[in-house]
């Protein structure tokens, strides 16, 4: 009996050893292995949305721009177009073309109740002007002011085409009796560019000096226009490329 109990005790001790010692060895090995392995579940990886180094061999520089102008002046409303080209940092060359009417500042249009037509007293000619200018545009304080709003100064010169048609004739018929003139003019201006990216929107003020010479050109009888310049405000819309 004593031998029988000893065998049972020995067998029980073996079972207990297998239960408590074997798992410790097993988990110890796993624990040792995980210390040398990368566990992706316990590590967060953050990557930059943009590369820190630009690998592009060609920088994204917008060297040109073009667009259209809405013109406001003492002569009324007009339209125009422009083209810009980059010469250096913050310096552009440009060409612009305006089409606008020309008149004396005191011209007032009246309505005749008897004829049902409008008229301007003492008006003798309808006048139109098309200044074509070449110039330069320099951005100012670009390191101080926001990129989305940039101040600039402009200066330019070029020929101006002036067209005169008789006021007494019907509007379209009068062009058959028109007279043409070419005069040379200059301008200086200030403005602000509020566009971003490829979009261009500009508010601009230019003062033109376009002397006609001689006795001038009449829009109103005995009140000739000797300078077709003046202050022109423009609102420009365009695109850079």
C-alpha atoms as a PDB file:
ATOM      1  CA  UNK A   1       0.000   0.000   0.000  1.00  0.00           C
ATOM      2  CA  UNK A   2       2.816   2.333   0.895  1.00  0.00           C
ATOM      3  CA  UNK A   3       4.384   1.864  -2.558  1.00  0.00           C
ATOM      4  CA  UNK A   4       1.008   2.452  -4.150  1.00  0.00           C
ATOM      5  CA  UNK A   5       0.575   5.803  -2.329  1.00  0.00           C
ATOM      6  CA  UNK A   6       4.115   6.808  -3.237  1.00  0.00           C
ATOM      7  CA  UNK A   7       3.390   6.197  -6.935  1.00  0.00           C
ATOM      8  CA  UNK A   8       0.202   8.265  -6.725  1.00  0.00           C
ATOM      9  CA  UNK A   9       2.073  11.088  -4.956  1.00  0.00           C
ATOM     10  CA  UNK A  10       4.848  11.040  -7.532  1.00  0.00           C
ATOM     11  CA  UNK A  11       2.351  11.094 -10.402  1.00  0.00           C
ATOM     12  CA  UNK A  12       0.432  14.006  -8.816  1.00  0.00           C
ATOM     13  CA  UNK A  13       3.642  15.970  -8.369  1.00  0.00           C
ATOM     14  CA  UNK A  14       4.457  15.442 -12.053  1.00  0.00           C
ATOM     15  CA  UNK A  15       1.020  16.716 -13.129  1.00  0.00           C
ATOM     16  CA  UNK A  16       1.296  19.812 -10.933  1.00  0.00           C
ATOM     17  CA  UNK A  17       4.766  20.537 -12.349  1.00  0.00           C
ATOM     18  CA  UNK A  18       3.481  20.304 -15.914  1.00  0.00           C
ATOM     19  CA  UNK A  19       0.568  22.633 -15.136  1.00  0.00           C
ATOM     20  CA  UNK A  20       2.511  25.412 -13.403  1.00  0.00           C
ATOM     21  CA  UNK A  21       6.002  25.192 -14.807  1.00  0.00           C
ATOM     22  CA  UNK A  22       5.349  24.507 -18.516  1.00  0.00           C
ATOM     23  CA  UNK A  23       3.129  27.599 -19.130  1.00  0.00           C
ATOM     24  CA  UNK A  24       5.735  29.814 -17.443  1.00  0.00           C
ATOM     25  CA  UNK A  25       8.392  28.550 -19.815  1.00  0.00           C
ATOM     26  CA  UNK A  26       6.063  28.940 -22.780  1.00  0.00           C
ATOM     27  CA  UNK A  27       4.992  32.517 -21.929  1.00  0.00           C
ATOM     28  CA  UNK A  28       8.529  33.451 -21.064  1.00  0.00           C
ATOM     29  CA  UNK A  29       9.628  32.538 -24.556  1.00  0.00           C
ATOM     30  CA  UNK A  30       6.797  34.522 -26.141  1.00  0.00           C
ATOM     31  CA  UNK A  31       7.558  37.496 -23.969  1.00  0.00           C
ATOM     32  CA  UNK A  32      11.194  37.347 -24.942  1.00  0.00           C
ATOM     33  CA  UNK A  33      10.319  37.139 -28.601  1.00  0.00           C
ATOM     34  CA  UNK A  34       7.935  40.142 -28.557  1.00  0.00           C
ATOM     35  CA  UNK A  35      10.629  42.365 -27.097  1.00  0.00           C
ATOM     36  CA  UNK A  36      12.667  41.882 -30.240  1.00  0.00           C
ATOM     37  CA  UNK A  37       9.739  42.142 -32.655  1.00  0.00           C
ATOM     38  CA  UNK A  38       7.805  45.168 -34.035  1.00  0.00           C
ATOM     39  CA  UNK A  39       4.207  45.228 -32.844  1.00  0.00           C
ATOM     40  CA  UNK A  40       2.206  47.461 -35.163  1.00  0.00           C
ATOM     41  CA  UNK A  41      -0.808  47.462 -32.837  1.00  0.00           C
ATOM     42  CA  UNK A  42       1.013  49.436 -30.152  1.00  0.00           C
ATOM     43  CA  UNK A  43       2.797  52.008 -32.331  1.00  0.00           C
ATOM     44  CA  UNK A  44       1.202  55.008 -34.117  1.00  0.00           C
ATOM     45  CA  UNK A  45       2.867  56.223 -37.323  1.00  0.00           C
ATOM     46  CA  UNK A  46       2.302  59.776 -38.491  1.00  0.00           C
ATOM     47  CA  UNK A  47       3.243  60.856 -42.005  1.00  0.00           C
ATOM     48  CA  UNK A  48       3.323  64.390 -43.454  1.00  0.00           C
ATOM     49  CA  UNK A  49       0.507  65.227 -45.849  1.00  0.00           C
ATOM     50  CA  UNK A  50       3.088  66.973 -48.058  1.00  0.00           C
ATOM     51  CA  UNK A  51       6.651  65.873 -48.764  1.00  0.00           C
ATOM     52  CA  UNK A  52       9.231  67.780 -46.772  1.00  0.00           C
ATOM     53  CA  UNK A  53      11.497  67.977 -49.795  1.00  0.00           C
ATOM     54  CA  UNK A  54      10.182  68.977 -53.207  1.00  0.00           C
ATOM     55  CA  UNK A  55      11.454  66.374 -55.598  1.00  0.00           C
ATOM     56  CA  UNK A  56      10.084  68.143 -58.650  1.00  0.00           C
ATOM     57  CA  UNK A  57      12.845  69.308 -60.951  1.00  0.00           C
ATOM     58  CA  UNK A  58      10.727  72.206 -62.289  1.00  0.00           C
ATOM     59  CA  UNK A  59       9.299  74.760 -59.831  1.00  0.00           C
ATOM     60  CA  UNK A  60       5.638  75.704 -60.163  1.00  0.00           C
ATOM     61  CA  UNK A  61       6.044  79.356 -61.168  1.00  0.00           C
ATOM     62  CA  UNK A  62       3.167  81.316 -62.731  1.00  0.00           C
ATOM     63  CA  UNK A  63       4.923  83.643 -65.172  1.00  0.00           C
ATOM     64  CA  UNK A  64       1.986  84.959 -67.217  1.00  0.00           C
ATOM     65  CA  UNK A  65      -1.487  86.364 -66.705  1.00  0.00           C
ATOM     66  CA  UNK A  66      -4.309  87.654 -68.875  1.00  0.00           C
ATOM     67  CA  UNK A  67      -7.838  88.900 -68.340  1.00  0.00           C
ATOM     68  CA  UNK A  68     -10.524  91.526 -68.889  1.00  0.00           C
ATOM     69  CA  UNK A  69     -11.195  94.975 -67.431  1.00  0.00           C
ATOM     70  CA  UNK A  70     -14.319  96.917 -66.539  1.00  0.00           C
ATOM     71  CA  UNK A  71     -13.529 100.645 -66.827  1.00  0.00           C
ATOM     72  CA  UNK A  72     -15.138 103.523 -64.921  1.00  0.00           C
ATOM     73  CA  UNK A  73     -14.282 107.190 -65.593  1.00  0.00           C
ATOM     74  CA  UNK A  74     -15.788 110.630 -66.210  1.00  0.00           C
ATOM     75  CA  UNK A  75     -16.383 109.415 -69.757  1.00  0.00           C
ATOM     76  CA  UNK A  76     -18.676 106.635 -68.544  1.00  0.00           C
ATOM     77  CA  UNK A  77     -18.144 102.899 -68.752  1.00  0.00           C
ATOM     78  CA  UNK A  78     -15.715 100.947 -70.884  1.00  0.00           C
ATOM     79  CA  UNK A  79     -14.154  97.543 -71.352  1.00  0.00           C
ATOM     80  CA  UNK A  80     -10.608  96.343 -71.837  1.00  0.00           C
ATOM     81  CA  UNK A  81      -8.154  93.473 -71.861  1.00  0.00           C
ATOM     82  CA  UNK A  82      -4.613  92.926 -70.585  1.00  0.00           C
ATOM     83  CA  UNK A  83      -1.667  90.542 -70.727  1.00  0.00           C
ATOM     84  CA  UNK A  84       1.186  90.290 -68.174  1.00  0.00           C
ATOM     85  CA  UNK A  85       4.585  88.637 -68.292  1.00  0.00           C
ATOM     86  CA  UNK A  86       6.999  88.133 -65.408  1.00  0.00           C
ATOM     87  CA  UNK A  87      10.401  89.841 -65.793  1.00  0.00           C
ATOM     88  CA  UNK A  88      11.869  89.342 -62.312  1.00  0.00           C
ATOM     89  CA  UNK A  89      10.747  88.819 -58.739  1.00  0.00           C
ATOM     90  CA  UNK A  90       7.661  91.024 -58.182  1.00  0.00           C
ATOM     91  CA  UNK A  91       8.211  92.797 -61.524  1.00  0.00           C
ATOM     92  CA  UNK A  92       5.929  92.319 -64.549  1.00  0.00           C
ATOM     93  CA  UNK A  93       5.638  93.830 -67.988  1.00  0.00           C
ATOM     94  CA  UNK A  94       2.157  94.206 -69.451  1.00  0.00           C
ATOM     95  CA  UNK A  95       0.091  95.344 -72.403  1.00  0.00           C
ATOM     96  CA  UNK A  96      -3.432  96.715 -72.001  1.00  0.00           C
ATOM     97  CA  UNK A  97      -6.189  97.931 -74.332  1.00  0.00           C
ATOM     98  CA  UNK A  98      -9.200 100.036 -73.298  1.00  0.00           C
ATOM     99  CA  UNK A  99     -12.310 100.982 -75.267  1.00  0.00           C
ATOM    100  CA  UNK A 100     -14.287 103.863 -73.839  1.00  0.00           C
ATOM    101  CA  UNK A 101     -16.352 106.885 -74.781  1.00  0.00           C
ATOM    102  CA  UNK A 102     -15.013 110.416 -74.366  1.00  0.00           C
ATOM    103  CA  UNK A 103     -16.982 113.529 -73.463  1.00  0.00           C
ATOM    104  CA  UNK A 104     -17.042 116.737 -71.484  1.00  0.00           C
ATOM    105  CA  UNK A 105     -17.679 116.272 -67.788  1.00  0.00           C
ATOM    106  CA  UNK A 106     -20.785 118.535 -67.849  1.00  0.00           C
ATOM    107  CA  UNK A 107     -22.717 116.690 -70.578  1.00  0.00           C
ATOM    108  CA  UNK A 108     -26.270 115.975 -69.420  1.00  0.00           C
ATOM    109  CA  UNK A 109     -28.774 113.980 -71.432  1.00  0.00           C
ATOM    110  CA  UNK A 110     -32.393 115.168 -71.574  1.00  0.00           C
ATOM    111  CA  UNK A 111     -35.590 113.506 -72.725  1.00  0.00           C
ATOM    112  CA  UNK A 112     -37.890 115.286 -75.186  1.00  0.00           C
ATOM    113  CA  UNK A 113     -41.526 114.463 -74.405  1.00  0.00           C
ATOM    114  CA  UNK A 114     -42.680 115.703 -77.817  1.00  0.00           C
ATOM    115  CA  UNK A 115     -40.337 113.647 -79.991  1.00  0.00           C
ATOM    116  CA  UNK A 116     -39.839 110.767 -77.539  1.00  0.00           C
ATOM    117  CA  UNK A 117     -36.091 110.995 -77.994  1.00  0.00           C
ATOM    118  CA  UNK A 118     -33.211 111.813 -75.663  1.00  0.00           C
ATOM    119  CA  UNK A 119     -30.626 114.437 -76.541  1.00  0.00           C
ATOM    120  CA  UNK A 120     -27.639 116.364 -75.152  1.00  0.00           C
ATOM    121  CA  UNK A 121     -27.870 120.142 -75.702  1.00  0.00           C
ATOM    122  CA  UNK A 122     -25.142 121.681 -77.896  1.00  0.00           C
ATOM    123  CA  UNK A 123     -23.484 118.313 -78.552  1.00  0.00           C
ATOM    124  CA  UNK A 124     -21.760 118.178 -81.909  1.00  0.00           C
ATOM    125  CA  UNK A 125     -19.687 114.951 -81.907  1.00  0.00           C
ATOM    126  CA  UNK A 126     -19.726 111.508 -80.363  1.00  0.00           C
ATOM    127  CA  UNK A 127     -16.186 110.681 -79.310  1.00  0.00           C
ATOM    128  CA  UNK A 128     -14.548 107.318 -78.623  1.00  0.00           C
ATOM    129  CA  UNK A 129     -11.036 106.491 -77.440  1.00  0.00           C
ATOM    130  CA  UNK A 130      -8.930 103.310 -77.507  1.00  0.00           C
ATOM    131  CA  UNK A 131      -5.679 103.693 -75.545  1.00  0.00           C
ATOM    132  CA  UNK A 132      -3.135 100.929 -76.096  1.00  0.00           C
ATOM    133  CA  UNK A 133      -0.371 100.973 -73.490  1.00  0.00           C
ATOM    134  CA  UNK A 134       2.801  99.059 -72.698  1.00  0.00           C
ATOM    135  CA  UNK A 135       4.223  99.291 -69.202  1.00  0.00           C
ATOM    136  CA  UNK A 136       5.681  97.725 -66.096  1.00  0.00           C
ATOM    137  CA  UNK A 137       4.073  96.684 -62.828  1.00  0.00           C
ATOM    138  CA  UNK A 138       6.037  96.446 -59.577  1.00  0.00           C
ATOM    139  CA  UNK A 139       4.584  94.678 -56.515  1.00  0.00           C
ATOM    140  CA  UNK A 140       5.281  96.478 -53.233  1.00  0.00           C
ATOM    141  CA  UNK A 141       5.892  95.206 -49.685  1.00  0.00           C
ATOM    142  CA  UNK A 142       5.451  91.556 -50.687  1.00  0.00           C
ATOM    143  CA  UNK A 143       7.383  90.369 -47.609  1.00  0.00           C
ATOM    144  CA  UNK A 144       5.075  92.284 -45.267  1.00  0.00           C
ATOM    145  CA  UNK A 145       1.562  92.046 -46.698  1.00  0.00           C
ATOM    146  CA  UNK A 146      -0.414  88.817 -47.050  1.00  0.00           C
ATOM    147  CA  UNK A 147       0.097  86.737 -50.189  1.00  0.00           C
ATOM    148  CA  UNK A 148      -3.625  87.062 -50.980  1.00  0.00           C
ATOM    149  CA  UNK A 149      -3.466  90.894 -51.120  1.00  0.00           C
ATOM    150  CA  UNK A 150      -0.547  92.563 -52.884  1.00  0.00           C
ATOM    151  CA  UNK A 151      -0.089  96.248 -53.615  1.00  0.00           C
ATOM    152  CA  UNK A 152       1.526  97.365 -56.859  1.00  0.00           C
ATOM    153  CA  UNK A 153       2.514 100.462 -58.811  1.00  0.00           C
ATOM    154  CA  UNK A 154       2.250 100.808 -62.588  1.00  0.00           C
ATOM    155  CA  UNK A 155       3.540 103.090 -65.309  1.00  0.00           C
ATOM    156  CA  UNK A 156       3.201 102.936 -69.057  1.00  0.00           C
ATOM    157  CA  UNK A 157       2.867 104.733 -72.385  1.00  0.00           C
ATOM    158  CA  UNK A 158       1.512 104.164 -75.851  1.00  0.00           C
ATOM    159  CA  UNK A 159      -0.691 105.414 -78.695  1.00  0.00           C
ATOM    160  CA  UNK A 160      -4.387 106.260 -78.344  1.00  0.00           C
ATOM    161  CA  UNK A 161      -6.866 105.950 -81.196  1.00  0.00           C
ATOM    162  CA  UNK A 162      -9.618 108.598 -81.089  1.00  0.00           C
ATOM    163  CA  UNK A 163     -12.752 108.372 -83.240  1.00  0.00           C
ATOM    164  CA  UNK A 164     -15.222 111.193 -83.862  1.00  0.00           C
ATOM    165  CA  UNK A 165     -18.718 110.768 -85.392  1.00  0.00           C
ATOM    166  CA  UNK A 166     -21.305 113.547 -85.988  1.00  0.00           C
ATOM    167  CA  UNK A 167     -23.983 113.692 -83.297  1.00  0.00           C
ATOM    168  CA  UNK A 168     -26.663 114.906 -85.713  1.00  0.00           C
ATOM    169  CA  UNK A 169     -26.538 111.624 -87.616  1.00  0.00           C
ATOM    170  CA  UNK A 170     -28.193 108.359 -86.547  1.00  0.00           C
ATOM    171  CA  UNK A 171     -25.862 106.294 -84.339  1.00  0.00           C
ATOM    172  CA  UNK A 172     -24.795 103.622 -86.855  1.00  0.00           C
ATOM    173  CA  UNK A 173     -25.071 105.889 -89.906  1.00  0.00           C
ATOM    174  CA  UNK A 174     -22.697 108.361 -88.241  1.00  0.00           C
ATOM    175  CA  UNK A 175     -19.772 105.929 -88.519  1.00  0.00           C
ATOM    176  CA  UNK A 176     -19.812 106.528 -92.283  1.00  0.00           C
ATOM    177  CA  UNK A 177     -18.866 110.166 -91.555  1.00  0.00           C
ATOM    178  CA  UNK A 178     -16.284 109.419 -88.854  1.00  0.00           C
ATOM    179  CA  UNK A 179     -12.851 110.989 -88.478  1.00  0.00           C
ATOM    180  CA  UNK A 180      -9.860 109.251 -86.881  1.00  0.00           C
ATOM    181  CA  UNK A 181      -6.970 110.621 -84.850  1.00  0.00           C
ATOM    182  CA  UNK A 182      -3.899 109.124 -83.187  1.00  0.00           C
ATOM    183  CA  UNK A 183      -2.332 110.677 -80.122  1.00  0.00           C
ATOM    184  CA  UNK A 184       0.435 109.590 -77.752  1.00  0.00           C
ATOM    185  CA  UNK A 185      -0.180 109.266 -74.003  1.00  0.00           C
ATOM    186  CA  UNK A 186       1.283 108.091 -70.707  1.00  0.00           C
ATOM    187  CA  UNK A 187      -0.126 106.988 -67.371  1.00  0.00           C
ATOM    188  CA  UNK A 188       0.781 106.093 -63.786  1.00  0.00           C
ATOM    189  CA  UNK A 189      -1.294 104.056 -61.389  1.00  0.00           C
ATOM    190  CA  UNK A 190      -1.700 102.158 -58.153  1.00  0.00           C
ATOM    191  CA  UNK A 191      -3.680  99.027 -57.408  1.00  0.00           C
ATOM    192  CA  UNK A 192      -4.162  95.950 -55.308  1.00  0.00           C
ATOM    193  CA  UNK A 193      -4.163  92.314 -56.407  1.00  0.00           C
ATOM    194  CA  UNK A 194      -6.591  90.254 -54.307  1.00  0.00           C
ATOM    195  CA  UNK A 195      -6.413  87.008 -56.285  1.00  0.00           C
ATOM    196  CA  UNK A 196      -4.934  83.717 -55.067  1.00  0.00           C
ATOM    197  CA  UNK A 197      -3.431  80.767 -56.924  1.00  0.00           C
ATOM    198  CA  UNK A 198      -4.298  80.878 -60.619  1.00  0.00           C
ATOM    199  CA  UNK A 199      -7.155  83.354 -60.089  1.00  0.00           C
ATOM    200  CA  UNK A 200      -6.433  87.040 -60.680  1.00  0.00           C
ATOM    201  CA  UNK A 201      -8.672  89.887 -59.484  1.00  0.00           C
ATOM    202  CA  UNK A 202      -7.363  93.444 -59.402  1.00  0.00           C
ATOM    203  CA  UNK A 203      -8.657  96.862 -58.376  1.00  0.00           C
ATOM    204  CA  UNK A 204      -6.700  99.574 -60.126  1.00  0.00           C
ATOM    205  CA  UNK A 205      -6.602 103.379 -60.433  1.00  0.00           C
ATOM    206  CA  UNK A 206      -4.741 104.969 -63.354  1.00  0.00           C
ATOM    207  CA  UNK A 207      -4.262 108.582 -64.293  1.00  0.00           C
ATOM    208  CA  UNK A 208      -3.795 109.082 -68.043  1.00  0.00           C
ATOM    209  CA  UNK A 209      -2.300 112.091 -69.782  1.00  0.00           C
ATOM    210  CA  UNK A 210      -3.341 112.105 -73.461  1.00  0.00           C
ATOM    211  CA  UNK A 211      -2.985 115.627 -74.921  1.00  0.00           C
ATOM    212  CA  UNK A 212      -4.836 116.203 -78.194  1.00  0.00           C
ATOM    213  CA  UNK A 213      -2.879 119.288 -79.214  1.00  0.00           C
ATOM    214  CA  UNK A 214      -3.935 122.351 -81.135  1.00  0.00           C
ATOM    215  CA  UNK A 215      -7.390 123.656 -80.291  1.00  0.00           C
ATOM    216  CA  UNK A 216      -8.606 120.263 -79.128  1.00  0.00           C
ATOM    217  CA  UNK A 217     -11.615 118.263 -80.353  1.00  0.00           C
ATOM    218  CA  UNK A 218     -15.200 119.276 -79.711  1.00  0.00           C
ATOM    219  CA  UNK A 219     -17.831 117.106 -78.122  1.00  0.00           C
ATOM    220  CA  UNK A 220     -19.868 120.155 -77.083  1.00  0.00           C
ATOM    221  CA  UNK A 221     -19.848 123.271 -79.268  1.00  0.00           C
ATOM    222  CA  UNK A 222     -17.247 125.808 -78.118  1.00  0.00           C
ATOM    223  CA  UNK A 223     -15.989 123.453 -75.384  1.00  0.00           C
ATOM    224  CA  UNK A 224     -13.154 121.454 -76.987  1.00  0.00           C
ATOM    225  CA  UNK A 225     -11.417 118.592 -75.180  1.00  0.00           C
ATOM    226  CA  UNK A 226      -7.675 119.191 -75.074  1.00  0.00           C
ATOM    227  CA  UNK A 227      -6.702 116.261 -72.854  1.00  0.00           C
ATOM    228  CA  UNK A 228      -8.391 112.879 -73.310  1.00  0.00           C
ATOM    229  CA  UNK A 229      -6.793 111.517 -70.160  1.00  0.00           C
ATOM    230  CA  UNK A 230      -7.991 111.679 -66.576  1.00  0.00           C
ATOM    231  CA  UNK A 231      -8.658 109.228 -63.788  1.00  0.00           C
ATOM    232  CA  UNK A 232      -9.677 105.706 -64.832  1.00  0.00           C
ATOM    233  CA  UNK A 233     -10.773 103.083 -62.314  1.00  0.00           C
ATOM    234  CA  UNK A 234     -10.738  99.456 -63.376  1.00  0.00           C
ATOM    235  CA  UNK A 235     -11.897  96.136 -61.985  1.00  0.00           C
ATOM    236  CA  UNK A 236      -9.943  93.294 -63.588  1.00  0.00           C
ATOM    237  CA  UNK A 237     -10.612  89.560 -63.753  1.00  0.00           C
ATOM    238  CA  UNK A 238      -8.175  87.058 -65.161  1.00  0.00           C
ATOM    239  CA  UNK A 239      -6.046  83.960 -64.742  1.00  0.00           C
ATOM    240  CA  UNK A 240      -2.380  83.167 -64.159  1.00  0.00           C
ATOM    241  CA  UNK A 241      -0.570  80.383 -66.001  1.00  0.00           C
END
